[in-house]
């Protein structure tokens, strides 16, 4: 997957893995994707456990793609309405997810019972 312009993606993580449920993430980790590589771009400070506060924080920082496990429909709709591509129902370590994203093989990391 060749990226012409840098892209900012966000992973909803619990420690070093994607959180099973987006709203239970303890950190939103940012990565810049350019030239078929990923580069750490920071950690988004989570203002509270409120899903709308978290959504506002993601929308404010320029994220283009949000990768997560399960996600509330309202949260997903809010992110997509703000122009963010949401890729839900993913599981795996940060590295697995980032490599899967770069290789366009996230379907290999789909949560059981989902058709990503």
PDB file of N, CA and C in Angstrom:
ATOM      1  N   UNK A   1       0.847  -1.174   0.000  1.00  0.00           N
ATOM      2  CA  UNK A   1       0.000   0.000   0.000  1.00  0.00           C
ATOM      3  C   UNK A   1       0.891   1.235   0.000  1.00  0.00           C
ATOM      4  N   UNK A   2       1.071   1.860  -1.105  1.00  0.00           N
ATOM      5  CA  UNK A   2       1.920   3.043  -1.235  1.00  0.00           C
ATOM      6  C   UNK A   2       1.123   4.284  -0.861  1.00  0.00           C
ATOM      7  N   UNK A   3       1.651   5.059   0.076  1.00  0.00           N
ATOM      8  CA  UNK A   3       0.970   6.269   0.504  1.00  0.00           C
ATOM      9  C   UNK A   3       1.671   7.475  -0.081  1.00  0.00           C
ATOM     10  N   UNK A   4       0.955   8.224  -0.913  1.00  0.00           N
ATOM     11  CA  UNK A   4       1.530   9.397  -1.568  1.00  0.00           C
ATOM     12  C   UNK A   4       1.749  10.533  -0.573  1.00  0.00           C
ATOM     13  N   UNK A   5       0.791  10.744   0.296  1.00  0.00           N
ATOM     14  CA  UNK A   5       0.922  11.781   1.315  1.00  0.00           C
ATOM     15  C   UNK A   5       0.857  11.119   2.678  1.00  0.00           C
ATOM     16  N   UNK A   6       1.533  11.700   3.656  1.00  0.00           N
ATOM     17  CA  UNK A   6       1.488  11.110   4.996  1.00  0.00           C
ATOM     18  C   UNK A   6       0.050  11.015   5.506  1.00  0.00           C
ATOM     19  N   UNK A   7      -0.204   9.981   6.239  1.00  0.00           N
ATOM     20  CA  UNK A   7      -1.527   9.707   6.782  1.00  0.00           C
ATOM     21  C   UNK A   7      -1.380   9.511   8.286  1.00  0.00           C
ATOM     22  N   UNK A   8      -2.311  10.028   9.072  1.00  0.00           N
ATOM     23  CA  UNK A   8      -2.283   9.871  10.523  1.00  0.00           C
ATOM     24  C   UNK A   8      -3.355   8.879  10.928  1.00  0.00           C
ATOM     25  N   UNK A   9      -2.923   7.754  11.502  1.00  0.00           N
ATOM     26  CA  UNK A   9      -3.882   6.761  11.957  1.00  0.00           C
ATOM     27  C   UNK A   9      -3.844   6.677  13.469  1.00  0.00           C
ATOM     28  N   UNK A  10      -4.949   6.203  14.023  1.00  0.00           N
ATOM     29  CA  UNK A  10      -5.083   6.099  15.470  1.00  0.00           C
ATOM     30  C   UNK A  10      -5.512   4.682  15.816  1.00  0.00           C
ATOM     31  N   UNK A  11      -4.827   4.083  16.787  1.00  0.00           N
ATOM     32  CA  UNK A  11      -5.175   2.754  17.277  1.00  0.00           C
ATOM     33  C   UNK A  11      -5.736   2.891  18.681  1.00  0.00           C
ATOM     34  N   UNK A  12      -6.930   2.324  18.911  1.00  0.00           N
ATOM     35  CA  UNK A  12      -7.536   2.314  20.241  1.00  0.00           C
ATOM     36  C   UNK A  12      -6.936   1.128  20.992  1.00  0.00           C
ATOM     37  N   UNK A  13      -5.975   1.410  21.872  1.00  0.00           N
ATOM     38  CA  UNK A  13      -5.185   0.348  22.493  1.00  0.00           C
ATOM     39  C   UNK A  13      -5.496   0.120  23.966  1.00  0.00           C
ATOM     40  N   UNK A  14      -5.268  -1.089  24.385  1.00  0.00           N
ATOM     41  CA  UNK A  14      -5.205  -1.447  25.799  1.00  0.00           C
ATOM     42  C   UNK A  14      -3.827  -2.062  25.969  1.00  0.00           C
ATOM     43  N   UNK A  15      -2.963  -1.322  26.616  1.00  0.00           N
ATOM     44  CA  UNK A  15      -1.541  -1.663  26.725  1.00  0.00           C
ATOM     45  C   UNK A  15      -0.922  -1.744  25.333  1.00  0.00           C
ATOM     46  N   UNK A  16      -0.386  -2.917  24.933  1.00  0.00           N
ATOM     47  CA  UNK A  16       0.287  -2.998  23.629  1.00  0.00           C
ATOM     48  C   UNK A  16      -0.547  -3.718  22.574  1.00  0.00           C
ATOM     49  N   UNK A  17      -1.858  -3.817  22.826  1.00  0.00           N
ATOM     50  CA  UNK A  17      -2.774  -4.483  21.895  1.00  0.00           C
ATOM     51  C   UNK A  17      -3.945  -3.562  21.572  1.00  0.00           C
ATOM     52  N   UNK A  18      -4.653  -3.872  20.505  1.00  0.00           N
ATOM     53  CA  UNK A  18      -5.894  -3.168  20.242  1.00  0.00           C
ATOM     54  C   UNK A  18      -6.887  -3.569  21.332  1.00  0.00           C
ATOM     55  N   UNK A  19      -7.600  -2.611  21.874  1.00  0.00           N
ATOM     56  CA  UNK A  19      -8.599  -2.899  22.905  1.00  0.00           C
ATOM     57  C   UNK A  19      -9.749  -3.693  22.275  1.00  0.00           C
ATOM     58  N   UNK A  20     -10.238  -4.702  22.983  1.00  0.00           N
ATOM     59  CA  UNK A  20     -11.362  -5.494  22.472  1.00  0.00           C
ATOM     60  C   UNK A  20     -12.591  -4.631  22.255  1.00  0.00           C
ATOM     61  N   UNK A  21     -12.774  -3.652  23.151  1.00  0.00           N
ATOM     62  CA  UNK A  21     -13.878  -2.702  23.040  1.00  0.00           C
ATOM     63  C   UNK A  21     -13.268  -1.307  23.032  1.00  0.00           C
ATOM     64  N   UNK A  22     -13.544  -0.565  21.994  1.00  0.00           N
ATOM     65  CA  UNK A  22     -12.958   0.759  21.794  1.00  0.00           C
ATOM     66  C   UNK A  22     -13.077   1.650  23.032  1.00  0.00           C
ATOM     67  N   UNK A  23     -14.251   1.656  23.643  1.00  0.00           N
ATOM     68  CA  UNK A  23     -14.492   2.534  24.786  1.00  0.00           C
ATOM     69  C   UNK A  23     -13.705   2.125  26.035  1.00  0.00           C
ATOM     70  N   UNK A  24     -13.102   0.935  26.033  1.00  0.00           N
ATOM     71  CA  UNK A  24     -12.270   0.493  27.156  1.00  0.00           C
ATOM     72  C   UNK A  24     -10.782   0.734  26.922  1.00  0.00           C
ATOM     73  N   UNK A  25     -10.437   1.363  25.830  1.00  0.00           N
ATOM     74  CA  UNK A  25      -9.026   1.637  25.523  1.00  0.00           C
ATOM     75  C   UNK A  25      -8.425   2.512  26.619  1.00  0.00           C
ATOM     76  N   UNK A  26      -7.171   2.211  26.976  1.00  0.00           N
ATOM     77  CA  UNK A  26      -6.487   3.063  27.956  1.00  0.00           C
ATOM     78  C   UNK A  26      -5.581   4.074  27.267  1.00  0.00           C
ATOM     79  N   UNK A  27      -5.497   3.996  25.934  1.00  0.00           N
ATOM     80  CA  UNK A  27      -4.717   4.967  25.179  1.00  0.00           C
ATOM     81  C   UNK A  27      -5.052   4.923  23.707  1.00  0.00           C
ATOM     82  N   UNK A  28      -5.026   6.071  23.089  1.00  0.00           N
ATOM     83  CA  UNK A  28      -5.184   6.162  21.635  1.00  0.00           C
ATOM     84  C   UNK A  28      -3.823   6.527  21.081  1.00  0.00           C
ATOM     85  N   UNK A  29      -3.203   5.580  20.397  1.00  0.00           N
ATOM     86  CA  UNK A  29      -1.842   5.759  19.902  1.00  0.00           C
ATOM     87  C   UNK A  29      -1.872   6.202  18.446  1.00  0.00           C
ATOM     88  N   UNK A  30      -1.111   7.244  18.161  1.00  0.00           N
ATOM     89  CA  UNK A  30      -1.072   7.831  16.826  1.00  0.00           C
ATOM     90  C   UNK A  30       0.176   7.369  16.076  1.00  0.00           C
ATOM     91  N   UNK A  31      -0.004   7.094  14.785  1.00  0.00           N
ATOM     92  CA  UNK A  31       1.096   6.687  13.925  1.00  0.00           C
ATOM     93  C   UNK A  31       0.962   7.408  12.593  1.00  0.00           C
ATOM     94  N   UNK A  32       2.099   7.870  12.084  1.00  0.00           N
ATOM     95  CA  UNK A  32       2.114   8.445  10.745  1.00  0.00           C
ATOM     96  C   UNK A  32       2.529   7.349   9.785  1.00  0.00           C
ATOM     97  N   UNK A  33       1.778   7.246   8.695  1.00  0.00           N
ATOM     98  CA  UNK A  33       2.077   6.270   7.653  1.00  0.00           C
ATOM     99  C   UNK A  33       2.611   7.038   6.454  1.00  0.00           C
ATOM    100  N   UNK A  34       3.832   6.706   6.055  1.00  0.00           N
ATOM    101  CA  UNK A  34       4.384   7.295   4.832  1.00  0.00           C
ATOM    102  C   UNK A  34       5.447   6.362   4.279  1.00  0.00           C
ATOM    103  N   UNK A  35       5.510   6.317   2.969  1.00  0.00           N
ATOM    104  CA  UNK A  35       6.486   5.477   2.270  1.00  0.00           C
ATOM    105  C   UNK A  35       6.442   4.024   2.737  1.00  0.00           C
ATOM    106  N   UNK A  36       5.231   3.499   2.905  1.00  0.00           N
ATOM    107  CA  UNK A  36       5.035   2.100   3.314  1.00  0.00           C
ATOM    108  C   UNK A  36       5.674   1.760   4.659  1.00  0.00           C
ATOM    109  N   UNK A  37       5.779   2.738   5.532  1.00  0.00           N
ATOM    110  CA  UNK A  37       6.323   2.512   6.880  1.00  0.00           C
ATOM    111  C   UNK A  37       5.454   3.254   7.882  1.00  0.00           C
ATOM    112  N   UNK A  38       5.506   2.813   9.140  1.00  0.00           N
ATOM    113  CA  UNK A  38       4.772   3.517  10.182  1.00  0.00           C
ATOM    114  C   UNK A  38       5.751   4.103  11.190  1.00  0.00           C
ATOM    115  N   UNK A  39       5.397   5.290  11.670  1.00  0.00           N
ATOM    116  CA  UNK A  39       6.234   6.026  12.606  1.00  0.00           C
ATOM    117  C   UNK A  39       5.376   6.491  13.781  1.00  0.00           C
ATOM    118  N   UNK A  40       5.810   6.221  15.020  1.00  0.00           N
ATOM    119  CA  UNK A  40       5.046   6.714  16.171  1.00  0.00           C
ATOM    120  C   UNK A  40       4.889   8.229  16.079  1.00  0.00           C
ATOM    121  N   UNK A  41       3.664   8.706  16.329  1.00  0.00           N
ATOM    122  CA  UNK A  41       3.384  10.139  16.225  1.00  0.00           C
ATOM    123  C   UNK A  41       2.780  10.700  17.509  1.00  0.00           C
ATOM    124  N   UNK A  42       2.751   9.881  18.563  1.00  0.00           N
ATOM    125  CA  UNK A  42       2.278  10.392  19.840  1.00  0.00           C
ATOM    126  C   UNK A  42       1.157   9.566  20.439  1.00  0.00           C
ATOM    127  N   UNK A  43       0.775   9.992  21.613  1.00  0.00           N
ATOM    128  CA  UNK A  43      -0.306   9.360  22.365  1.00  0.00           C
ATOM    129  C   UNK A  43      -1.361  10.417  22.607  1.00  0.00           C
ATOM    130  N   UNK A  44      -2.576  10.141  22.186  1.00  0.00           N
ATOM    131  CA  UNK A  44      -3.670  11.085  22.365  1.00  0.00           C
ATOM    132  C   UNK A  44      -4.159  11.004  23.802  1.00  0.00           C
ATOM    133  N   UNK A  45      -4.106  12.109  24.483  1.00  0.00           N
ATOM    134  CA  UNK A  45      -4.575  12.169  25.860  1.00  0.00           C
ATOM    135  C   UNK A  45      -6.083  11.983  25.888  1.00  0.00           C
ATOM    136  N   UNK A  46      -6.549  11.014  26.656  1.00  0.00           N
ATOM    137  CA  UNK A  46      -7.982  10.752  26.737  1.00  0.00           C
ATOM    138  C   UNK A  46      -8.595  11.617  27.831  1.00  0.00           C
ATOM    139  N   UNK A  47      -9.494  12.527  27.453  1.00  0.00           N
ATOM    140  CA  UNK A  47     -10.032  13.489  28.406  1.00  0.00           C
ATOM    141  C   UNK A  47     -10.904  12.859  29.490  1.00  0.00           C
ATOM    142  N   UNK A  48     -11.584  11.764  29.182  1.00  0.00           N
ATOM    143  CA  UNK A  48     -12.451  11.105  30.155  1.00  0.00           C
ATOM    144  C   UNK A  48     -12.881   9.765  29.584  1.00  0.00           C
ATOM    145  N   UNK A  49     -13.732   9.073  30.288  1.00  0.00           N
ATOM    146  CA  UNK A  49     -14.282   7.806  29.790  1.00  0.00           C
ATOM    147  C   UNK A  49     -15.495   8.040  28.900  1.00  0.00           C
ATOM    148  N   UNK A  50     -15.975   9.273  28.834  1.00  0.00           N
ATOM    149  CA  UNK A  50     -17.149   9.588  28.033  1.00  0.00           C
ATOM    150  C   UNK A  50     -16.838   9.419  26.546  1.00  0.00           C
ATOM    151  N   UNK A  51     -17.596   8.584  25.834  1.00  0.00           N
ATOM    152  CA  UNK A  51     -17.313   8.350  24.413  1.00  0.00           C
ATOM    153  C   UNK A  51     -17.333   9.620  23.561  1.00  0.00           C
ATOM    154  N   UNK A  52     -18.200  10.555  23.865  1.00  0.00           N
ATOM    155  CA  UNK A  52     -18.267  11.777  23.062  1.00  0.00           C
ATOM    156  C   UNK A  52     -17.038  12.665  23.284  1.00  0.00           C
ATOM    157  N   UNK A  53     -16.516  12.706  24.518  1.00  0.00           N
ATOM    158  CA  UNK A  53     -15.276  13.446  24.781  1.00  0.00           C
ATOM    159  C   UNK A  53     -14.122  12.832  23.998  1.00  0.00           C
ATOM    160  N   UNK A  54     -14.064  11.508  23.986  1.00  0.00           N
ATOM    161  CA  UNK A  54     -13.001  10.814  23.272  1.00  0.00           C
ATOM    162  C   UNK A  54     -13.112  11.049  21.766  1.00  0.00           C
ATOM    163  N   UNK A  55     -14.341  11.016  21.271  1.00  0.00           N
ATOM    164  CA  UNK A  55     -14.572  11.263  19.845  1.00  0.00           C
ATOM    165  C   UNK A  55     -14.110  12.662  19.469  1.00  0.00           C
ATOM    166  N   UNK A  56     -14.434  13.638  20.301  1.00  0.00           N
ATOM    167  CA  UNK A  56     -14.020  15.025  20.033  1.00  0.00           C
ATOM    168  C   UNK A  56     -12.503  15.145  19.991  1.00  0.00           C
ATOM    169  N   UNK A  57     -11.822  14.440  20.886  1.00  0.00           N
ATOM    170  CA  UNK A  57     -10.354  14.495  20.923  1.00  0.00           C
ATOM    171  C   UNK A  57      -9.759  13.918  19.639  1.00  0.00           C
ATOM    172  N   UNK A  58     -10.327  12.824  19.141  1.00  0.00           N
ATOM    173  CA  UNK A  58      -9.839  12.209  17.905  1.00  0.00           C
ATOM    174  C   UNK A  58     -10.071  13.146  16.721  1.00  0.00           C
ATOM    175  N   UNK A  59     -11.250  13.724  16.660  1.00  0.00           N
ATOM    176  CA  UNK A  59     -11.587  14.624  15.554  1.00  0.00           C
ATOM    177  C   UNK A  59     -10.686  15.853  15.532  1.00  0.00           C
ATOM    178  N   UNK A  60     -10.248  16.297  16.696  1.00  0.00           N
ATOM    179  CA  UNK A  60      -9.462  17.536  16.782  1.00  0.00           C
ATOM    180  C   UNK A  60      -8.001  17.370  16.371  1.00  0.00           C
ATOM    181  N   UNK A  61      -7.498  16.143  16.287  1.00  0.00           N
ATOM    182  CA  UNK A  61      -6.050  15.993  16.063  1.00  0.00           C
ATOM    183  C   UNK A  61      -5.664  15.615  14.634  1.00  0.00           C
ATOM    184  N   UNK A  62      -6.610  15.545  13.715  1.00  0.00           N
ATOM    185  CA  UNK A  62      -6.257  15.300  12.321  1.00  0.00           C
ATOM    186  C   UNK A  62      -6.132  13.849  11.902  1.00  0.00           C
ATOM    187  N   UNK A  63      -6.678  12.950  12.684  1.00  0.00           N
ATOM    188  CA  UNK A  63      -6.641  11.524  12.346  1.00  0.00           C
ATOM    189  C   UNK A  63      -7.447  11.285  11.071  1.00  0.00           C
ATOM    190  N   UNK A  64      -6.920  10.434  10.181  1.00  0.00           N
ATOM    191  CA  UNK A  64      -7.639  10.088   8.962  1.00  0.00           C
ATOM    192  C   UNK A  64      -8.288   8.710   9.051  1.00  0.00           C
ATOM    193  N   UNK A  65      -7.673   7.805   9.830  1.00  0.00           N
ATOM    194  CA  UNK A  65      -8.177   6.439   9.963  1.00  0.00           C
ATOM    195  C   UNK A  65      -8.091   6.009  11.417  1.00  0.00           C
ATOM    196  N   UNK A  66      -9.157   5.365  11.898  1.00  0.00           N
ATOM    197  CA  UNK A  66      -9.247   4.904  13.281  1.00  0.00           C
ATOM    198  C   UNK A  66      -9.438   3.397  13.271  1.00  0.00           C
ATOM    199  N   UNK A  67      -8.522   2.666  13.911  1.00  0.00           N
ATOM    200  CA  UNK A  67      -8.586   1.211  13.966  1.00  0.00           C
ATOM    201  C   UNK A  67      -8.922   0.785  15.388  1.00  0.00           C
ATOM    202  N   UNK A  68      -9.884  -0.158  15.500  1.00  0.00           N
ATOM    203  CA  UNK A  68     -10.341  -0.529  16.841  1.00  0.00           C
ATOM    204  C   UNK A  68     -10.960  -1.918  16.834  1.00  0.00           C
ATOM    205  N   UNK A  69     -11.304  -2.369  18.032  1.00  0.00           N
ATOM    206  CA  UNK A  69     -12.079  -3.593  18.194  1.00  0.00           C
ATOM    207  C   UNK A  69     -13.547  -3.239  18.030  1.00  0.00           C
ATOM    208  N   UNK A  70     -14.378  -3.692  18.951  1.00  0.00           N
ATOM    209  CA  UNK A  70     -15.799  -3.349  18.921  1.00  0.00           C
ATOM    210  C   UNK A  70     -15.952  -1.852  19.199  1.00  0.00           C
ATOM    211  N   UNK A  71     -16.997  -1.247  18.622  1.00  0.00           N
ATOM    212  CA  UNK A  71     -17.227   0.189  18.788  1.00  0.00           C
ATOM    213  C   UNK A  71     -18.728   0.458  18.780  1.00  0.00           C
ATOM    214  N   UNK A  72     -19.159   1.393  19.612  1.00  0.00           N
ATOM    215  CA  UNK A  72     -20.571   1.783  19.643  1.00  0.00           C
ATOM    216  C   UNK A  72     -20.951   2.408  18.302  1.00  0.00           C
ATOM    217  N   UNK A  73     -22.174   2.148  17.853  1.00  0.00           N
ATOM    218  CA  UNK A  73     -22.641   2.719  16.581  1.00  0.00           C
ATOM    219  C   UNK A  73     -22.596   4.240  16.597  1.00  0.00           C
ATOM    220  N   UNK A  74     -23.003   4.846  17.701  1.00  0.00           N
ATOM    221  CA  UNK A  74     -23.018   6.306  17.789  1.00  0.00           C
ATOM    222  C   UNK A  74     -21.603   6.872  17.656  1.00  0.00           C
ATOM    223  N   UNK A  75     -20.645   6.236  18.307  1.00  0.00           N
ATOM    224  CA  UNK A  75     -19.252   6.681  18.222  1.00  0.00           C
ATOM    225  C   UNK A  75     -18.753   6.554  16.790  1.00  0.00           C
ATOM    226  N   UNK A  76     -19.033   5.430  16.170  1.00  0.00           N
ATOM    227  CA  UNK A  76     -18.594   5.211  14.786  1.00  0.00           C
ATOM    228  C   UNK A  76     -19.199   6.250  13.843  1.00  0.00           C
ATOM    229  N   UNK A  77     -20.496   6.493  13.981  1.00  0.00           N
ATOM    230  CA  UNK A  77     -21.155   7.476  13.117  1.00  0.00           C
ATOM    231  C   UNK A  77     -20.575   8.873  13.304  1.00  0.00           C
ATOM    232  N   UNK A  78     -20.260   9.238  14.537  1.00  0.00           N
ATOM    233  CA  UNK A  78     -19.680  10.562  14.809  1.00  0.00           C
ATOM    234  C   UNK A  78     -18.307  10.707  14.158  1.00  0.00           C
ATOM    235  N   UNK A  79     -17.486   9.676  14.265  1.00  0.00           N
ATOM    236  CA  UNK A  79     -16.155   9.719  13.653  1.00  0.00           C
ATOM    237  C   UNK A  79     -16.267   9.794  12.129  1.00  0.00           C
ATOM    238  N   UNK A  80     -17.127   8.965  11.557  1.00  0.00           N
ATOM    239  CA  UNK A  80     -17.283   8.962  10.100  1.00  0.00           C
ATOM    240  C   UNK A  80     -17.869  10.278   9.598  1.00  0.00           C
ATOM    241  N   UNK A  81     -18.780  10.871  10.360  1.00  0.00           N
ATOM    242  CA  UNK A  81     -19.341  12.169   9.974  1.00  0.00           C
ATOM    243  C   UNK A  81     -18.262  13.251   9.983  1.00  0.00           C
ATOM    244  N   UNK A  82     -17.224  13.046  10.785  1.00  0.00           N
ATOM    245  CA  UNK A  82     -16.105  13.984  10.837  1.00  0.00           C
ATOM    246  C   UNK A  82     -15.035  13.698   9.786  1.00  0.00           C
ATOM    247  N   UNK A  83     -15.293  12.726   8.906  1.00  0.00           N
ATOM    248  CA  UNK A  83     -14.363  12.439   7.819  1.00  0.00           C
ATOM    249  C   UNK A  83     -13.319  11.382   8.127  1.00  0.00           C
ATOM    250  N   UNK A  84     -13.461  10.686   9.239  1.00  0.00           N
ATOM    251  CA  UNK A  84     -12.493   9.646   9.625  1.00  0.00           C
ATOM    252  C   UNK A  84     -12.989   8.285   9.151  1.00  0.00           C
ATOM    253  N   UNK A  85     -12.104   7.528   8.541  1.00  0.00           N
ATOM    254  CA  UNK A  85     -12.414   6.158   8.159  1.00  0.00           C
ATOM    255  C   UNK A  85     -12.263   5.284   9.395  1.00  0.00           C
ATOM    256  N   UNK A  86     -13.305   4.536   9.736  1.00  0.00           N
ATOM    257  CA  UNK A  86     -13.275   3.661  10.912  1.00  0.00           C
ATOM    258  C   UNK A  86     -13.152   2.220  10.441  1.00  0.00           C
ATOM    259  N   UNK A  87     -12.142   1.526  10.954  1.00  0.00           N
ATOM    260  CA  UNK A  87     -11.924   0.114  10.635  1.00  0.00           C
ATOM    261  C   UNK A  87     -12.073  -0.675  11.937  1.00  0.00           C
ATOM    262  N   UNK A  88     -13.306  -1.167  12.206  1.00  0.00           N
ATOM    263  CA  UNK A  88     -13.573  -1.859  13.472  1.00  0.00           C
ATOM    264  C   UNK A  88     -13.397  -3.373  13.372  1.00  0.00           C
ATOM    265  N   UNK A  89     -13.607  -4.008  14.530  1.00  0.00           N
ATOM    266  CA  UNK A  89     -13.616  -5.461  14.660  1.00  0.00           C
ATOM    267  C   UNK A  89     -12.259  -6.096  14.377  1.00  0.00           C
ATOM    268  N   UNK A  90     -11.197  -5.356  14.721  1.00  0.00           N
ATOM    269  CA  UNK A  90      -9.827  -5.832  14.520  1.00  0.00           C
ATOM    270  C   UNK A  90      -9.251  -6.241  15.874  1.00  0.00           C
ATOM    271  N   UNK A  91      -8.406  -7.246  15.867  1.00  0.00           N
ATOM    272  CA  UNK A  91      -7.726  -7.683  17.084  1.00  0.00           C
ATOM    273  C   UNK A  91      -6.252  -7.914  16.765  1.00  0.00           C
ATOM    274  N   UNK A  92      -5.402  -7.798  17.771  1.00  0.00           N
ATOM    275  CA  UNK A  92      -3.979  -8.059  17.576  1.00  0.00           C
ATOM    276  C   UNK A  92      -3.115  -7.054  18.295  1.00  0.00           C
ATOM    277  N   UNK A  93      -1.816  -7.287  18.240  1.00  0.00           N
ATOM    278  CA  UNK A  93      -0.860  -6.364  18.841  1.00  0.00           C
ATOM    279  C   UNK A  93      -0.736  -5.127  17.953  1.00  0.00           C
ATOM    280  N   UNK A  94      -0.153  -4.078  18.505  1.00  0.00           N
ATOM    281  CA  UNK A  94       0.069  -2.863  17.717  1.00  0.00           C
ATOM    282  C   UNK A  94       0.803  -3.190  16.417  1.00  0.00           C
ATOM    283  N   UNK A  95       1.878  -3.944  16.541  1.00  0.00           N
ATOM    284  CA  UNK A  95       2.702  -4.266  15.379  1.00  0.00           C
ATOM    285  C   UNK A  95       1.925  -5.083  14.351  1.00  0.00           C
ATOM    286  N   UNK A  96       1.158  -6.082  14.803  1.00  0.00           N
ATOM    287  CA  UNK A  96       0.361  -6.885  13.883  1.00  0.00           C
ATOM    288  C   UNK A  96      -0.640  -6.020  13.123  1.00  0.00           C
ATOM    289  N   UNK A  97      -1.295  -5.118  13.850  1.00  0.00           N
ATOM    290  CA  UNK A  97      -2.313  -4.267  13.235  1.00  0.00           C
ATOM    291  C   UNK A  97      -1.680  -3.289  12.248  1.00  0.00           C
ATOM    292  N   UNK A  98      -0.579  -2.691  12.634  1.00  0.00           N
ATOM    293  CA  UNK A  98       0.094  -1.747  11.734  1.00  0.00           C
ATOM    294  C   UNK A  98       0.588  -2.447  10.475  1.00  0.00           C
ATOM    295  N   UNK A  99       1.183  -3.616  10.631  1.00  0.00           N
ATOM    296  CA  UNK A  99       1.643  -4.367   9.458  1.00  0.00           C
ATOM    297  C   UNK A  99       0.459  -4.810   8.594  1.00  0.00           C
ATOM    298  N   UNK A 100      -0.625  -5.243   9.237  1.00  0.00           N
ATOM    299  CA  UNK A 100      -1.823  -5.634   8.499  1.00  0.00           C
ATOM    300  C   UNK A 100      -2.408  -4.467   7.722  1.00  0.00           C
ATOM    301  N   UNK A 101      -2.368  -3.285   8.316  1.00  0.00           N
ATOM    302  CA  UNK A 101      -2.865  -2.090   7.635  1.00  0.00           C
ATOM    303  C   UNK A 101      -2.001  -1.774   6.413  1.00  0.00           C
ATOM    304  N   UNK A 102      -0.694  -1.816   6.599  1.00  0.00           N
ATOM    305  CA  UNK A 102       0.219  -1.512   5.496  1.00  0.00           C
ATOM    306  C   UNK A 102       0.093  -2.515   4.352  1.00  0.00           C
ATOM    307  N   UNK A 103      -0.143  -3.770   4.691  1.00  0.00           N
ATOM    308  CA  UNK A 103      -0.220  -4.827   3.677  1.00  0.00           C
ATOM    309  C   UNK A 103      -1.647  -5.066   3.188  1.00  0.00           C
ATOM    310  N   UNK A 104      -2.580  -4.248   3.648  1.00  0.00           N
ATOM    311  CA  UNK A 104      -3.989  -4.380   3.277  1.00  0.00           C
ATOM    312  C   UNK A 104      -4.504  -5.785   3.591  1.00  0.00           C
ATOM    313  N   UNK A 105      -4.127  -6.283   4.783  1.00  0.00           N
ATOM    314  CA  UNK A 105      -4.537  -7.630   5.179  1.00  0.00           C
ATOM    315  C   UNK A 105      -5.188  -7.651   6.563  1.00  0.00           C
ATOM    316  N   UNK A 106      -5.936  -6.600   6.879  1.00  0.00           N
ATOM    317  CA  UNK A 106      -6.600  -6.534   8.182  1.00  0.00           C
ATOM    318  C   UNK A 106      -7.649  -7.635   8.348  1.00  0.00           C
ATOM    319  N   UNK A 107      -8.174  -8.174   7.248  1.00  0.00           N
ATOM    320  CA  UNK A 107      -9.154  -9.255   7.337  1.00  0.00           C
ATOM    321  C   UNK A 107      -8.574 -10.452   8.098  1.00  0.00           C
ATOM    322  N   UNK A 108      -7.264 -10.620   8.036  1.00  0.00           N
ATOM    323  CA  UNK A 108      -6.606 -11.709   8.761  1.00  0.00           C
ATOM    324  C   UNK A 108      -6.659 -11.493  10.277  1.00  0.00           C
ATOM    325  N   UNK A 109      -6.924 -10.257  10.698  1.00  0.00           N
ATOM    326  CA  UNK A 109      -6.949  -9.921  12.122  1.00  0.00           C
ATOM    327  C   UNK A 109      -8.366  -9.642  12.620  1.00  0.00           C
ATOM    328  N   UNK A 110      -9.371 -10.032  11.846  1.00  0.00           N
ATOM    329  CA  UNK A 110     -10.758  -9.793  12.233  1.00  0.00           C
ATOM    330  C   UNK A 110     -11.100 -10.584  13.486  1.00  0.00           C
ATOM    331  N   UNK A 111     -11.898  -9.961  14.345  1.00  0.00           N
ATOM    332  CA  UNK A 111     -12.379 -10.659  15.544  1.00  0.00           C
ATOM    333  C   UNK A 111     -13.229 -11.848  15.120  1.00  0.00           C
ATOM    334  N   UNK A 112     -13.218 -12.907  15.928  1.00  0.00           N
ATOM    335  CA  UNK A 112     -14.041 -14.089  15.591  1.00  0.00           C
ATOM    336  C   UNK A 112     -15.505 -13.711  15.408  1.00  0.00           C
ATOM    337  N   UNK A 113     -16.109 -14.267  14.366  1.00  0.00           N
ATOM    338  CA  UNK A 113     -17.527 -14.049  14.119  1.00  0.00           C
ATOM    339  C   UNK A 113     -17.858 -12.776  13.349  1.00  0.00           C
ATOM    340  N   UNK A 114     -16.812 -12.026  12.940  1.00  0.00           N
ATOM    341  CA  UNK A 114     -17.065 -10.808  12.181  1.00  0.00           C
ATOM    342  C   UNK A 114     -16.588 -11.016  10.759  1.00  0.00           C
ATOM    343  N   UNK A 115     -17.152 -10.281   9.860  1.00  0.00           N
ATOM    344  CA  UNK A 115     -16.753 -10.381   8.450  1.00  0.00           C
ATOM    345  C   UNK A 115     -16.129  -9.098   7.982  1.00  0.00           C
ATOM    346  N   UNK A 116     -14.895  -8.834   8.407  1.00  0.00           N
ATOM    347  CA  UNK A 116     -14.209  -7.591   8.022  1.00  0.00           C
ATOM    348  C   UNK A 116     -13.731  -7.709   6.595  1.00  0.00           C
TER     349      UNK A 116
END
